[in-house]
Amino acid sequence: MSVRITALLALLVAALTLGGGGGAGAASQPPPKIDLSSPAAIDAYLRSIGVDPATVVKQVGLKNYAGPNCPGADWNCTTATRVVQVSHENQGQEGQGDNEFECKPKQAQVPPTSEGANTCLIVQTGTSNHATCTEEDSNTPSTETCEITQTDAKKNSAEVDQEITQTGELAQDGNQFAHVHQEASNQNQSKIQQTVTQKTASGVSTDIQMQDALQQVKVEQLATGSNNSSNVRQSQTQTESGDALTQLQNTKTQPANCTDDTAKPPNPNQCTNVEQDAGSGGTNLSYLQAGIGEKQTSSPLSTTGTQTQGSSSGGQGGDIDQTNPSNVGQNTSFANLSLSQFQSSPTGSKSHNQATDPGCCGISQIGGAKSFEDIDESTVMSATGGLSPFQNTSLLGQENQVSGGGFAPMTSPSNSCEIEQNAQTNDASAHPSFSGSGSECIGATLATDCTRAACFCTPGIEGCPSPDTGGPGIGVANLPVVLLPSKPTFGLEIPMPDMSTPADFSP
C-alpha cells in the first residue's frame, strides 16, 4: 500500500502546484490535429504511425467505398483492408464527399497483407466519413488491430467490434488494440467493443494452465464547437479447471499503461484513453465500461500447486480528458470498472493468490458551463480450499474539474461529481461513496485498499481507517464520503461482472 500512498501524494502535490488545486491540468492538451491536405502529407502521416504508404490502397473520388459489398457503379470500390480515402470535395471539387469503410478480415483479404488476418487500417478525409471494423479470431496467440483516422468532415462515425474466443489450449493469449482519431465541424461518434473469452480444462497434474488478455483503446476527438461522443466497452472472461498443477490468469507483465497518469496501474490488462475537445464550445460525452472475470477451479486430484489471478501492476486503467472553453459547453463522463476473481480447490496445500489495481480517470474535465463525472469501481475476491489466500486489491478514483485557460479552480455549483468504490475479499470489505459539487470536485481523490483480512480508505473514514494513522488520511480535506453496506465474500462462489449497461449511464 505504500506505493499507492506515494503515488497519491505525488498527484496531490502536482494538483496544488497548478493553479489553486486545479491539478495536473497543464498536462492535459487537446488531441493534435493531423495534416492530410496533400498526398505527401498523407504519406508522411502513414510513416509516422509505422505504415509503409506502398502497402496501402489509395482511393480518390466523390464516393469511396472499401469493403465486401460495393454499393453501386457510381462508387469507387476496393476490397482492401488497409486504405486511404480522399473525397473529391477535398480536392477543390463540389460534391458530397462520402467515404465508407467496412473491414471484415475474417473473410479473405484482397490484396493479402503481411500483418495477418485481423488488421484494419483506414484514413479518411471527406465531408462524411464512416468506418467499421469487425474482427473475430479463435487462434492462440491472437492479436487484433484497428486503426481509424477521420478528418476534414462535417460528421465522423467509427465502430469497432473485436472478439477473441480461445478454448482448449493450456496457454491462451489474446490481444486487442483500437485507435480512433476524429476531426469534424459538426459531430464525432465512436463506439468500440472488445471481448476476450478464454476457457480451458486441459492438462494433467504436472501441467501449467496460463491465460492472458490485453485490451487497449485510444480515442481522440476534436469538434469545432459541436459534439463528441465516445462509447467504450471492454470485457474479459477467463475460466480454468481440471487437473493442472498450476493455474495462472492475467499474470503476464503487459505493456506500459496507455494513459497519461502515472498514478494508475503501470501495466493494466484493460486500458482506455479518451481525449475530447469540443472546440469553441459544445458537448463532450464519454462512456467507459470495463469488466474482468477470472475463475479457477481444481479437480479432486489437484490438491497441491498454485492458483494465481492478476497482479498488483495489472488490472484496469482509464483516462478520460474532456475540454471546453471556460463557461461554455458541457462535459459528461461515466466510467464503470469491475473485476471479479474466484478460486476453488480441494482441501489441501494448494496456494491461492489474487491481486488487482484498477484506477480512473485522471485529469478529467477542463472548462465548460456544466460538467458531470461519475466513477464506479468494484473488485470482488473469493478463494476457498487450500491454504489461506493472499488477496490484495487497490482501487483509485480521481476527478478534477477546472476552468479553461489558466486552469483556475472550477467552483460553479453546476459542476458535480461522484465516486463509488466497493472492495470485497474473504474476510474484509469496504464500500465508500463520494458525491460532491463545485469546489469539492477539484482534485477529488478516493482510494480503497484491501487485503484478505482488512480494508483501508483514503481519506480516512470511520469504520474504514487510513493505513497510516487510523484516522483522516491524505486526500482532499472534508470530502463528504460515506460508507455504504458491504460484506466479505467468506470464500463463497461469486458472480462474474455484469456487462449489461449500468443503470446510471444516462446524461
Protein backbone atom coordinates (compact mmCIF):
# COMPACT_ATOMS: atom_id res chain seq x y z
CA MET A 1 0.00 0.00 0.00
CA SER A 2 2.94 2.35 0.45
CA VAL A 3 3.39 2.58 -3.32
CA ARG A 4 -0.24 3.68 -3.73
CA ILE A 5 0.08 6.31 -1.00
CA THR A 6 3.29 7.71 -2.54
CA ALA A 7 1.57 7.96 -5.92
CA LEU A 8 -1.40 9.76 -4.38
CA LEU A 9 0.86 12.24 -2.63
CA ALA A 10 2.66 12.99 -5.88
CA LEU A 11 -0.67 13.54 -7.63
CA LEU A 12 -1.91 15.92 -4.97
CA VAL A 13 1.35 17.91 -4.94
CA ALA A 14 1.01 18.35 -8.70
CA ALA A 15 -2.62 19.36 -8.26
CA LEU A 16 -1.81 22.10 -5.79
CA THR A 17 1.07 23.39 -7.91
CA LEU A 18 -1.09 24.01 -10.96
CA GLY A 19 -3.45 26.85 -10.19
CA GLY A 20 -5.10 26.66 -6.80
CA GLY A 21 -5.51 22.89 -6.68
CA GLY A 22 -6.51 22.71 -10.33
CA GLY A 23 -4.32 19.67 -10.54
CA ALA A 24 -2.48 18.04 -13.39
CA GLY A 25 -4.43 20.25 -15.80
CA ALA A 26 -1.39 21.59 -17.61
CA ALA A 27 -0.57 18.03 -18.64
CA SER A 28 -3.87 17.76 -20.50
CA GLN A 29 -3.70 19.07 -24.04
CA PRO A 30 -6.29 18.73 -26.83
CA PRO A 31 -5.56 15.92 -29.29
CA PRO A 32 -3.23 17.08 -32.08
CA LYS A 33 -4.69 17.83 -35.49
CA ILE A 34 -3.48 15.66 -38.36
CA ASP A 35 -2.47 17.10 -41.72
CA LEU A 36 -3.95 15.12 -44.64
CA SER A 37 -4.09 18.06 -47.05
CA SER A 38 -1.89 16.55 -49.79
CA PRO A 39 -0.57 13.16 -50.98
CA ALA A 40 2.79 13.98 -49.44
CA ALA A 41 1.17 14.87 -46.12
CA ILE A 42 -0.81 11.61 -46.18
CA ASP A 43 2.33 9.58 -46.81
CA ALA A 44 4.14 11.40 -44.00
CA TYR A 45 1.30 10.60 -41.61
CA LEU A 46 1.31 6.92 -42.59
CA ARG A 47 5.04 6.70 -41.95
CA SER A 48 4.56 8.43 -38.57
CA ILE A 49 2.32 5.55 -37.43
CA GLY A 50 4.67 2.90 -38.81
CA VAL A 51 2.85 2.15 -42.08
CA ASP A 52 4.60 1.92 -45.45
CA PRO A 53 2.49 4.02 -47.90
CA ALA A 54 3.24 1.46 -50.64
CA THR A 55 1.23 -1.19 -48.73
CA VAL A 56 -1.96 0.93 -48.63
CA VAL A 57 -4.64 1.19 -51.32
CA LYS A 58 -5.48 4.85 -52.08
CA GLN A 59 -8.89 5.94 -53.32
CA VAL A 60 -9.65 9.42 -54.69
CA GLY A 61 -13.24 10.05 -55.75
CA LEU A 62 -16.60 11.61 -54.99
CA LYS A 63 -17.80 8.40 -53.34
CA ASN A 64 -15.24 5.96 -51.95
CA TYR A 65 -16.05 2.53 -50.55
CA ALA A 66 -13.79 -0.17 -49.13
CA GLY A 67 -15.32 -3.48 -48.09
CA PRO A 68 -17.01 -6.67 -49.30
CA ASN A 69 -20.22 -5.10 -50.68
CA CYS A 70 -19.78 -2.31 -53.23
CA PRO A 71 -22.88 -0.02 -53.04
CA GLY A 72 -23.08 0.58 -56.82
CA ALA A 73 -21.45 1.60 -60.08
CA ASP A 74 -21.21 5.26 -59.02
CA TRP A 75 -18.89 4.31 -56.12
CA ASN A 76 -15.13 3.91 -56.27
CA CYS A 77 -14.69 0.46 -54.66
CA THR A 78 -11.98 -1.81 -53.27
CA THR A 79 -11.95 -4.88 -51.02
CA ALA A 80 -8.64 -3.97 -49.36
CA THR A 81 -8.44 -3.62 -45.57
CA ARG A 82 -5.62 -1.03 -45.50
CA VAL A 83 -6.98 2.02 -47.28
CA VAL A 84 -6.69 5.80 -47.67
CA GLN A 85 -9.82 7.56 -48.93
CA VAL A 86 -9.83 11.16 -50.21
CA SER A 87 -13.10 12.65 -51.41
CA HIS A 88 -13.26 14.94 -54.47
CA GLU A 89 -14.64 17.77 -52.38
CA ASN A 90 -11.36 17.97 -50.52
CA GLN A 91 -9.59 18.32 -53.82
CA GLY A 92 -11.44 21.52 -54.73
CA GLN A 93 -14.43 19.92 -56.44
CA GLU A 94 -18.04 20.26 -55.38
CA GLY A 95 -19.94 17.25 -54.12
CA GLN A 96 -20.99 15.35 -51.03
CA GLY A 97 -17.63 13.70 -50.40
CA ASP A 98 -18.64 10.33 -48.91
CA ASN A 99 -16.11 7.83 -47.57
CA GLU A 100 -17.26 4.38 -46.42
CA PHE A 101 -15.08 1.62 -44.95
CA GLU A 102 -16.13 -1.89 -43.84
CA CYS A 103 -13.27 -4.06 -42.65
CA LYS A 104 -14.14 -7.70 -42.08
CA PRO A 105 -10.82 -9.54 -42.09
CA LYS A 106 -12.38 -12.83 -41.03
CA GLN A 107 -13.06 -13.08 -44.77
CA ALA A 108 -10.21 -13.45 -47.25
CA GLN A 109 -8.24 -10.26 -47.68
CA VAL A 110 -7.75 -8.78 -51.15
CA PRO A 111 -4.92 -7.96 -51.52
CA PRO A 112 -3.37 -10.05 -48.72
CA THR A 113 -1.31 -8.22 -46.10
CA SER A 114 1.67 -9.33 -44.09
CA GLU A 115 0.05 -8.10 -40.85
CA GLY A 116 -2.27 -11.09 -40.70
CA ALA A 117 -6.00 -11.65 -40.88
CA ASN A 118 -7.08 -9.23 -38.19
CA THR A 119 -5.55 -5.90 -39.12
CA CYS A 120 -7.70 -2.97 -40.27
CA LEU A 121 -6.38 0.47 -41.23
CA ILE A 122 -8.36 3.35 -42.70
CA VAL A 123 -7.50 7.01 -43.27
CA GLN A 124 -10.45 9.13 -44.45
CA THR A 125 -10.64 12.79 -45.38
CA GLY A 126 -14.02 13.93 -46.64
CA THR A 127 -17.29 15.62 -45.77
CA SER A 128 -18.85 12.46 -44.35
CA ASN A 129 -16.66 9.63 -43.06
CA HIS A 130 -17.93 6.30 -41.79
CA ALA A 131 -15.77 3.33 -40.81
CA THR A 132 -16.43 -0.07 -39.21
CA CYS A 133 -14.01 -2.79 -38.10
CA THR A 134 -15.27 -6.29 -37.35
CA GLU A 135 -12.60 -8.72 -36.20
CA GLU A 136 -13.01 -12.28 -34.93
CA ASP A 137 -10.40 -14.89 -34.05
CA SER A 138 -10.11 -18.22 -32.23
CA ASN A 139 -6.39 -18.88 -32.60
CA THR A 140 -3.88 -18.56 -29.78
CA PRO A 141 -1.96 -16.39 -29.53
CA SER A 142 -4.17 -13.83 -31.26
CA THR A 143 -3.80 -10.11 -31.98
CA GLU A 144 -6.49 -7.82 -33.43
CA THR A 145 -5.73 -4.26 -34.50
CA CYS A 146 -7.96 -1.48 -35.83
CA GLU A 147 -6.64 1.99 -36.73
CA ILE A 148 -9.16 4.66 -37.86
CA THR A 149 -8.29 8.26 -38.81
CA GLN A 150 -11.05 10.64 -39.97
CA THR A 151 -10.55 14.36 -40.72
CA ASP A 152 -11.99 17.41 -42.52
CA ALA A 153 -15.55 16.21 -42.08
CA LYS A 154 -18.91 17.56 -41.00
CA LYS A 155 -19.62 14.19 -39.41
CA ASN A 156 -17.41 11.25 -38.49
CA SER A 157 -18.62 7.85 -37.37
CA ALA A 158 -16.45 4.92 -36.26
CA GLU A 159 -17.44 1.49 -34.96
CA VAL A 160 -15.05 -1.24 -33.80
CA ASP A 161 -16.08 -4.74 -32.73
CA GLN A 162 -13.21 -7.06 -31.76
CA GLU A 163 -13.80 -10.58 -30.46
CA ILE A 164 -11.39 -13.35 -29.45
CA THR A 165 -12.60 -16.78 -28.31
CA GLN A 166 -10.00 -19.33 -27.20
CA THR A 167 -10.78 -22.80 -25.86
CA GLY A 168 -8.87 -25.94 -25.03
CA GLU A 169 -5.20 -24.94 -25.12
CA LEU A 170 -3.05 -24.95 -21.99
CA ALA A 171 -1.65 -21.50 -22.86
CA GLN A 172 -4.02 -18.81 -24.20
CA ASP A 173 -3.10 -15.25 -25.12
CA GLY A 174 -5.40 -12.60 -26.66
CA ASN A 175 -4.52 -9.00 -27.58
CA GLN A 176 -6.79 -6.24 -28.92
CA PHE A 177 -5.83 -2.71 -29.96
CA ALA A 178 -8.14 0.03 -31.26
CA HIS A 179 -7.28 3.66 -32.08
CA VAL A 180 -9.79 6.21 -33.37
CA HIS A 181 -8.84 9.79 -34.30
CA GLN A 182 -11.66 12.10 -35.46
CA GLU A 183 -11.83 15.76 -36.52
CA ALA A 184 -15.18 17.27 -37.53
CA SER A 185 -17.05 20.57 -37.68
CA ASN A 186 -20.34 19.01 -36.58
CA GLN A 187 -20.17 15.62 -34.86
CA ASN A 188 -17.76 12.84 -33.92
CA GLN A 189 -19.13 9.46 -32.86
CA SER A 190 -17.05 6.48 -31.77
CA LYS A 191 -18.22 3.09 -30.48
CA ILE A 192 -15.68 0.41 -29.53
CA GLN A 193 -16.33 -3.05 -28.14
CA GLN A 194 -13.59 -5.52 -27.21
CA THR A 195 -14.34 -9.05 -25.96
CA VAL A 196 -11.94 -11.83 -24.95
CA THR A 197 -13.28 -15.22 -23.82
CA GLN A 198 -10.80 -17.90 -22.68
CA LYS A 199 -11.65 -21.37 -21.37
CA THR A 200 -9.56 -24.45 -20.72
CA ALA A 201 -9.83 -27.72 -18.80
CA SER A 202 -6.75 -29.29 -20.37
CA GLY A 203 -3.72 -30.67 -18.59
CA VAL A 204 -2.50 -33.32 -16.17
CA SER A 205 -1.18 -32.90 -12.65
CA THR A 206 2.22 -31.61 -13.81
CA ASP A 207 0.93 -29.03 -16.30
CA ILE A 208 0.56 -25.24 -16.22
CA GLN A 209 -2.60 -23.52 -17.42
CA MET A 210 -1.98 -19.93 -18.49
CA GLN A 211 -4.47 -17.29 -19.71
CA ASP A 212 -3.52 -13.70 -20.55
CA ALA A 213 -5.51 -10.92 -22.19
CA LEU A 214 -4.67 -7.33 -23.15
CA GLN A 215 -7.13 -4.68 -24.38
CA GLN A 216 -6.06 -1.14 -25.25
CA VAL A 217 -8.20 1.71 -26.63
CA LYS A 218 -7.30 5.27 -27.56
CA VAL A 219 -9.94 7.74 -28.74
CA GLU A 220 -9.13 11.30 -29.88
CA GLN A 221 -12.00 13.60 -30.88
CA LEU A 222 -11.89 17.24 -31.98
CA ALA A 223 -15.15 19.01 -32.86
CA THR A 224 -15.32 22.68 -33.84
CA GLY A 225 -17.95 23.91 -31.42
CA SER A 226 -20.15 20.84 -31.63
CA ASN A 227 -20.45 17.29 -30.26
CA ASN A 228 -18.10 14.44 -29.35
CA SER A 229 -19.42 11.05 -28.27
CA SER A 230 -17.32 8.05 -27.20
CA ASN A 231 -18.57 4.66 -26.01
CA VAL A 232 -16.00 2.03 -24.98
CA ARG A 233 -16.85 -1.42 -23.65
CA GLN A 234 -14.16 -3.97 -22.72
CA SER A 235 -14.75 -7.43 -21.29
CA GLN A 236 -12.55 -10.40 -20.39
CA THR A 237 -13.83 -13.77 -19.20
CA GLN A 238 -11.26 -16.38 -18.16
CA THR A 239 -12.07 -19.91 -16.90
CA GLU A 240 -9.60 -22.64 -15.89
CA SER A 241 -10.47 -26.06 -14.47
CA GLY A 242 -9.18 -29.64 -14.32
CA ASP A 243 -6.08 -31.39 -13.01
CA ALA A 244 -3.33 -28.83 -13.73
CA LEU A 245 -0.75 -28.26 -11.01
CA THR A 246 -0.52 -24.52 -11.70
CA GLN A 247 -3.25 -22.16 -12.89
CA LEU A 248 -2.40 -18.60 -13.98
CA GLN A 249 -4.70 -15.82 -15.19
CA ASN A 250 -3.52 -12.36 -16.27
CA THR A 251 -0.12 -12.75 -14.60
CA LYS A 252 1.97 -11.79 -17.64
CA THR A 253 3.57 -8.33 -17.48
CA GLN A 254 1.75 -6.27 -20.10
CA PRO A 255 2.97 -3.15 -21.99
CA ALA A 256 3.09 0.21 -20.22
CA ASN A 257 -0.14 1.98 -19.33
CA CYS A 258 -1.73 3.62 -22.38
CA THR A 259 -2.97 6.54 -20.27
CA ASP A 260 -1.16 9.72 -19.25
CA ASP A 261 -1.48 9.27 -15.50
CA THR A 262 1.35 7.59 -13.61
CA ALA A 263 -0.81 7.02 -10.50
CA LYS A 264 -2.75 4.26 -12.27
CA PRO A 265 -1.55 0.64 -12.55
CA PRO A 266 1.60 0.59 -14.70
CA ASN A 267 0.71 -2.48 -16.78
CA PRO A 268 -3.08 -2.89 -16.95
CA ASN A 269 -4.84 -5.70 -18.79
CA GLN A 270 -7.58 -3.24 -19.80
CA CYS A 271 -6.61 0.31 -20.69
CA THR A 272 -8.64 3.17 -22.20
CA ASN A 273 -7.50 6.71 -23.00
CA VAL A 274 -10.19 9.14 -24.23
CA GLU A 275 -9.42 12.76 -25.20
CA GLN A 276 -12.28 15.03 -26.29
CA ASP A 277 -12.08 18.70 -27.30
CA ALA A 278 -15.32 20.50 -28.19
CA GLY A 279 -13.50 23.47 -29.75
CA SER A 280 -15.30 26.78 -29.26
CA GLY A 281 -17.95 25.17 -27.06
CA GLY A 282 -20.01 22.00 -27.43
CA THR A 283 -20.86 18.70 -25.78
CA ASN A 284 -18.36 16.02 -24.75
CA LEU A 285 -19.91 12.70 -23.75
CA SER A 286 -17.93 9.61 -22.73
CA TYR A 287 -18.98 6.14 -21.57
CA LEU A 288 -16.42 3.61 -20.36
CA GLN A 289 -17.36 0.14 -19.13
CA ALA A 290 -14.65 -2.41 -18.37
CA GLY A 291 -15.09 -5.82 -16.78
CA ILE A 292 -12.76 -8.73 -16.00
CA GLY A 293 -13.99 -12.08 -14.68
CA GLU A 294 -11.45 -14.72 -13.62
CA LYS A 295 -12.40 -18.19 -12.35
CA GLN A 296 -10.14 -21.09 -11.37
CA THR A 297 -11.30 -24.47 -10.06
CA SER A 298 -9.31 -27.67 -9.46
CA SER A 299 -10.36 -31.29 -9.65
CA PRO A 300 -10.38 -33.50 -6.53
CA LEU A 301 -6.98 -34.88 -7.65
CA SER A 302 -5.30 -31.46 -7.66
CA THR A 303 -4.68 -30.65 -4.00
CA THR A 304 -1.19 -29.14 -4.36
CA GLY A 305 0.24 -26.44 -6.57
CA THR A 306 -0.73 -22.81 -7.15
CA GLN A 307 -3.67 -20.72 -8.34
CA THR A 308 -2.77 -17.12 -9.24
CA GLN A 309 -5.01 -14.37 -10.64
CA GLY A 310 -3.88 -10.90 -11.67
CA SER A 311 -1.01 -8.80 -10.34
CA SER A 312 -0.57 -5.59 -8.36
CA SER A 313 0.69 -3.83 -11.53
CA GLY A 314 -2.16 -5.08 -13.71
CA GLY A 315 -5.93 -4.72 -13.65
CA GLN A 316 -7.69 -1.77 -15.26
CA GLY A 317 -6.67 1.76 -16.19
CA GLY A 318 -8.83 4.59 -17.53
CA ASP A 319 -8.05 8.16 -18.50
CA ILE A 320 -10.82 10.49 -19.71
CA ASP A 321 -9.94 14.10 -20.60
CA GLN A 322 -12.69 16.48 -21.74
CA THR A 323 -12.03 20.07 -22.79
CA ASN A 324 -14.28 23.10 -23.42
CA PRO A 325 -13.69 26.85 -23.17
CA SER A 326 -14.33 28.40 -19.77
CA ASN A 327 -18.08 28.69 -19.02
CA VAL A 328 -19.07 27.35 -22.46
CA GLY A 329 -20.28 23.84 -23.39
CA GLN A 330 -20.85 20.69 -21.39
CA ASN A 331 -18.67 17.77 -20.26
CA THR A 332 -20.22 14.46 -19.16
CA SER A 333 -18.32 11.30 -18.27
CA PHE A 334 -19.34 7.87 -16.94
CA ALA A 335 -16.83 5.15 -16.03
CA ASN A 336 -17.61 1.70 -14.60
CA LEU A 337 -14.72 -0.67 -13.81
CA SER A 338 -15.43 -4.08 -12.28
CA LEU A 339 -13.28 -7.15 -11.62
CA SER A 340 -14.15 -10.49 -10.04
CA GLN A 341 -11.70 -13.26 -9.04
CA PHE A 342 -12.78 -16.67 -7.74
CA GLN A 343 -10.55 -19.62 -6.82
CA SER A 344 -11.56 -23.04 -5.56
CA SER A 345 -9.51 -26.15 -4.85
CA PRO A 346 -9.93 -29.30 -2.76
CA THR A 347 -8.88 -29.06 0.85
CA GLY A 348 -5.12 -29.47 0.89
CA SER A 349 -1.98 -27.42 0.38
CA LYS A 350 -2.78 -25.57 -2.85
CA SER A 351 -1.89 -21.87 -2.53
CA HIS A 352 -4.21 -19.03 -3.64
CA ASN A 353 -3.02 -15.63 -4.87
CA GLN A 354 -5.26 -12.77 -6.06
CA ALA A 355 -4.30 -9.17 -6.86
CA THR A 356 -5.52 -6.25 -8.94
CA ASP A 357 -5.20 -2.46 -9.18
CA PRO A 358 -7.94 -0.53 -11.06
CA GLY A 359 -7.73 3.26 -11.47
CA CYS A 360 -9.66 6.04 -13.26
CA CYS A 361 -9.98 8.82 -14.59
CA GLY A 362 -7.11 11.29 -14.29
CA ILE A 363 -7.16 14.91 -15.37
CA SER A 364 -10.86 14.78 -16.01
CA GLN A 365 -12.69 17.90 -17.19
CA ILE A 366 -11.48 21.35 -18.21
CA GLY A 367 -13.81 24.27 -18.91
CA GLY A 368 -17.48 24.10 -19.78
CA ALA A 369 -20.57 25.75 -18.33
CA LYS A 370 -21.63 22.42 -16.82
CA SER A 371 -19.70 19.27 -16.01
CA PHE A 372 -20.59 15.91 -14.51
CA GLU A 373 -18.39 12.89 -13.83
CA ASP A 374 -19.36 9.53 -12.34
CA ILE A 375 -16.82 6.80 -11.46
CA ASP A 376 -17.84 3.36 -10.16
CA GLU A 377 -15.18 0.78 -9.29
CA SER A 378 -15.59 -2.67 -7.76
CA THR A 379 -13.34 -5.64 -7.04
CA VAL A 380 -14.63 -8.90 -5.61
CA MET A 381 -12.20 -11.64 -4.49
CA SER A 382 -13.08 -15.04 -3.11
CA ALA A 383 -10.99 -18.16 -2.52
CA THR A 384 -11.81 -21.45 -0.86
CA GLY A 385 -9.93 -24.67 -0.08
CA GLY A 386 -6.19 -24.98 0.16
CA LEU A 387 -4.04 -22.55 2.11
CA SER A 388 -5.16 -19.20 3.49
CA PRO A 389 -5.32 -16.94 0.40
CA PHE A 390 -3.14 -13.94 -0.37
CA GLN A 391 -5.51 -11.16 -1.54
CA ASN A 392 -4.64 -7.55 -2.36
CA THR A 393 -6.87 -5.05 -4.15
CA SER A 394 -6.32 -1.31 -4.66
CA LEU A 395 -8.95 1.00 -6.13
CA LEU A 396 -8.21 4.59 -7.16
CA GLY A 397 -10.76 7.19 -8.26
CA GLN A 398 -9.67 10.65 -9.44
CA GLU A 399 -11.80 13.58 -10.57
CA ASN A 400 -10.63 17.09 -11.35
CA GLN A 401 -12.86 19.84 -12.76
CA VAL A 402 -11.14 23.14 -13.57
CA SER A 403 -11.89 26.16 -15.74
CA GLY A 404 -10.35 26.62 -19.18
CA GLY A 405 -7.45 28.90 -19.98
CA GLY A 406 -5.31 29.15 -16.88
CA PHE A 407 -6.80 26.04 -15.24
CA ALA A 408 -8.21 28.02 -12.31
CA PRO A 409 -10.48 26.21 -9.85
CA MET A 410 -13.97 25.45 -11.12
CA THR A 411 -16.28 26.32 -8.23
CA SER A 412 -19.64 26.58 -10.02
CA PRO A 413 -22.43 24.57 -8.36
CA SER A 414 -23.47 23.46 -11.87
CA ASN A 415 -20.50 21.09 -11.74
CA SER A 416 -20.92 17.80 -9.91
CA CYS A 417 -19.01 14.57 -9.46
CA GLU A 418 -19.39 11.13 -7.90
CA ILE A 419 -17.03 8.30 -6.93
CA GLU A 420 -18.20 4.96 -5.57
CA GLN A 421 -15.95 2.02 -4.71
CA ASN A 422 -16.78 -1.45 -3.44
CA ALA A 423 -13.98 -3.85 -2.46
CA GLN A 424 -14.63 -7.33 -1.07
CA THR A 425 -12.20 -10.04 0.00
CA ASN A 426 -12.61 -13.25 2.02
CA ASP A 427 -12.72 -11.57 5.43
CA ALA A 428 -12.96 -7.81 4.75
CA SER A 429 -14.90 -5.27 2.73
CA ALA A 430 -15.35 -1.53 2.22
CA HIS A 431 -17.87 0.45 0.20
CA PRO A 432 -17.05 4.19 0.32
CA SER A 433 -19.04 6.67 -1.76
CA PHE A 434 -18.44 10.33 -2.52
CA SER A 435 -20.82 12.85 -4.09
CA GLY A 436 -19.86 16.49 -4.45
CA SER A 437 -20.27 19.70 -6.44
CA GLY A 438 -18.40 22.92 -7.16
CA SER A 439 -15.04 23.14 -5.40
CA GLU A 440 -15.44 19.60 -3.98
CA CYS A 441 -14.74 18.28 -7.50
CA ILE A 442 -11.29 19.90 -7.72
CA GLY A 443 -8.66 17.21 -7.34
CA ALA A 444 -11.06 14.81 -5.61
CA THR A 445 -9.32 11.52 -4.89
CA LEU A 446 -10.68 8.39 -3.25
CA ALA A 447 -8.67 5.22 -2.68
CA THR A 448 -9.59 1.88 -1.14
CA ASP A 449 -7.06 -0.86 -0.36
CA CYS A 450 -7.98 -4.31 0.96
CA THR A 451 -6.07 -7.40 1.97
CA ARG A 452 -7.73 -10.68 2.86
CA ALA A 453 -8.31 -9.51 6.43
CA ALA A 454 -8.54 -5.68 6.43
CA CYS A 455 -9.52 -2.63 4.36
CA PHE A 456 -8.20 0.93 4.39
CA CYS A 457 -9.68 4.08 2.82
CA THR A 458 -8.19 7.41 1.83
CA PRO A 459 -9.30 9.92 3.08
CA GLY A 460 -9.73 8.04 6.38
CA ILE A 461 -13.36 7.19 7.12
CA GLU A 462 -14.86 5.97 10.37
CA GLY A 463 -15.02 2.22 10.09
CA CYS A 464 -12.52 2.25 7.22
CA PRO A 465 -9.35 3.92 8.56
CA SER A 466 -6.36 5.29 6.68
CA PRO A 467 -3.38 2.90 6.58
CA ASP A 468 -1.07 5.29 8.43
CA THR A 469 -2.98 6.76 11.36
CA GLY A 470 -6.32 5.03 11.69
CA GLY A 471 -7.97 8.44 11.26
CA PRO A 472 -8.26 11.03 8.47
CA GLY A 473 -5.74 10.20 5.76
CA ILE A 474 -4.29 12.05 2.81
CA GLY A 475 -6.54 13.37 0.06
CA VAL A 476 -8.85 16.32 -0.29
CA ALA A 477 -9.99 17.63 3.09
CA ASN A 478 -13.62 17.45 4.20
CA LEU A 479 -14.91 15.33 1.35
CA PRO A 480 -18.46 14.16 2.11
CA VAL A 481 -17.57 10.46 1.97
CA VAL A 482 -19.88 7.85 3.47
CA LEU A 483 -19.65 4.09 3.89
CA LEU A 484 -22.39 2.03 2.22
CA PRO A 485 -23.36 -1.53 3.21
CA SER A 486 -20.88 -4.23 2.20
CA LYS A 487 -19.78 -7.64 3.39
CA PRO A 488 -16.86 -10.05 2.86
CA THR A 489 -17.15 -12.93 0.40
CA PHE A 490 -16.30 -15.61 3.03
CA GLY A 491 -14.79 -17.78 0.27
CA LEU A 492 -18.16 -18.35 -1.36
CA GLU A 493 -18.63 -18.53 -5.13
CA ILE A 494 -19.22 -15.09 -6.64
CA PRO A 495 -20.80 -13.90 -9.90
CA MET A 496 -18.63 -12.67 -12.73
CA PRO A 497 -19.03 -8.98 -13.76
CA ASP A 498 -22.35 -7.97 -15.33
CA MET A 499 -21.62 -6.28 -18.67
CA SER A 500 -25.14 -5.00 -19.23
CA THR A 501 -25.38 -1.21 -19.39
CA PRO A 502 -25.26 0.24 -15.87
CA ALA A 503 -28.45 1.93 -14.73
CA ASP A 504 -26.71 5.23 -14.03
CA PHE A 505 -25.31 5.56 -17.58
CA SER A 506 -27.60 8.40 -18.58
CA PRO A 507 -26.71 12.07 -19.25
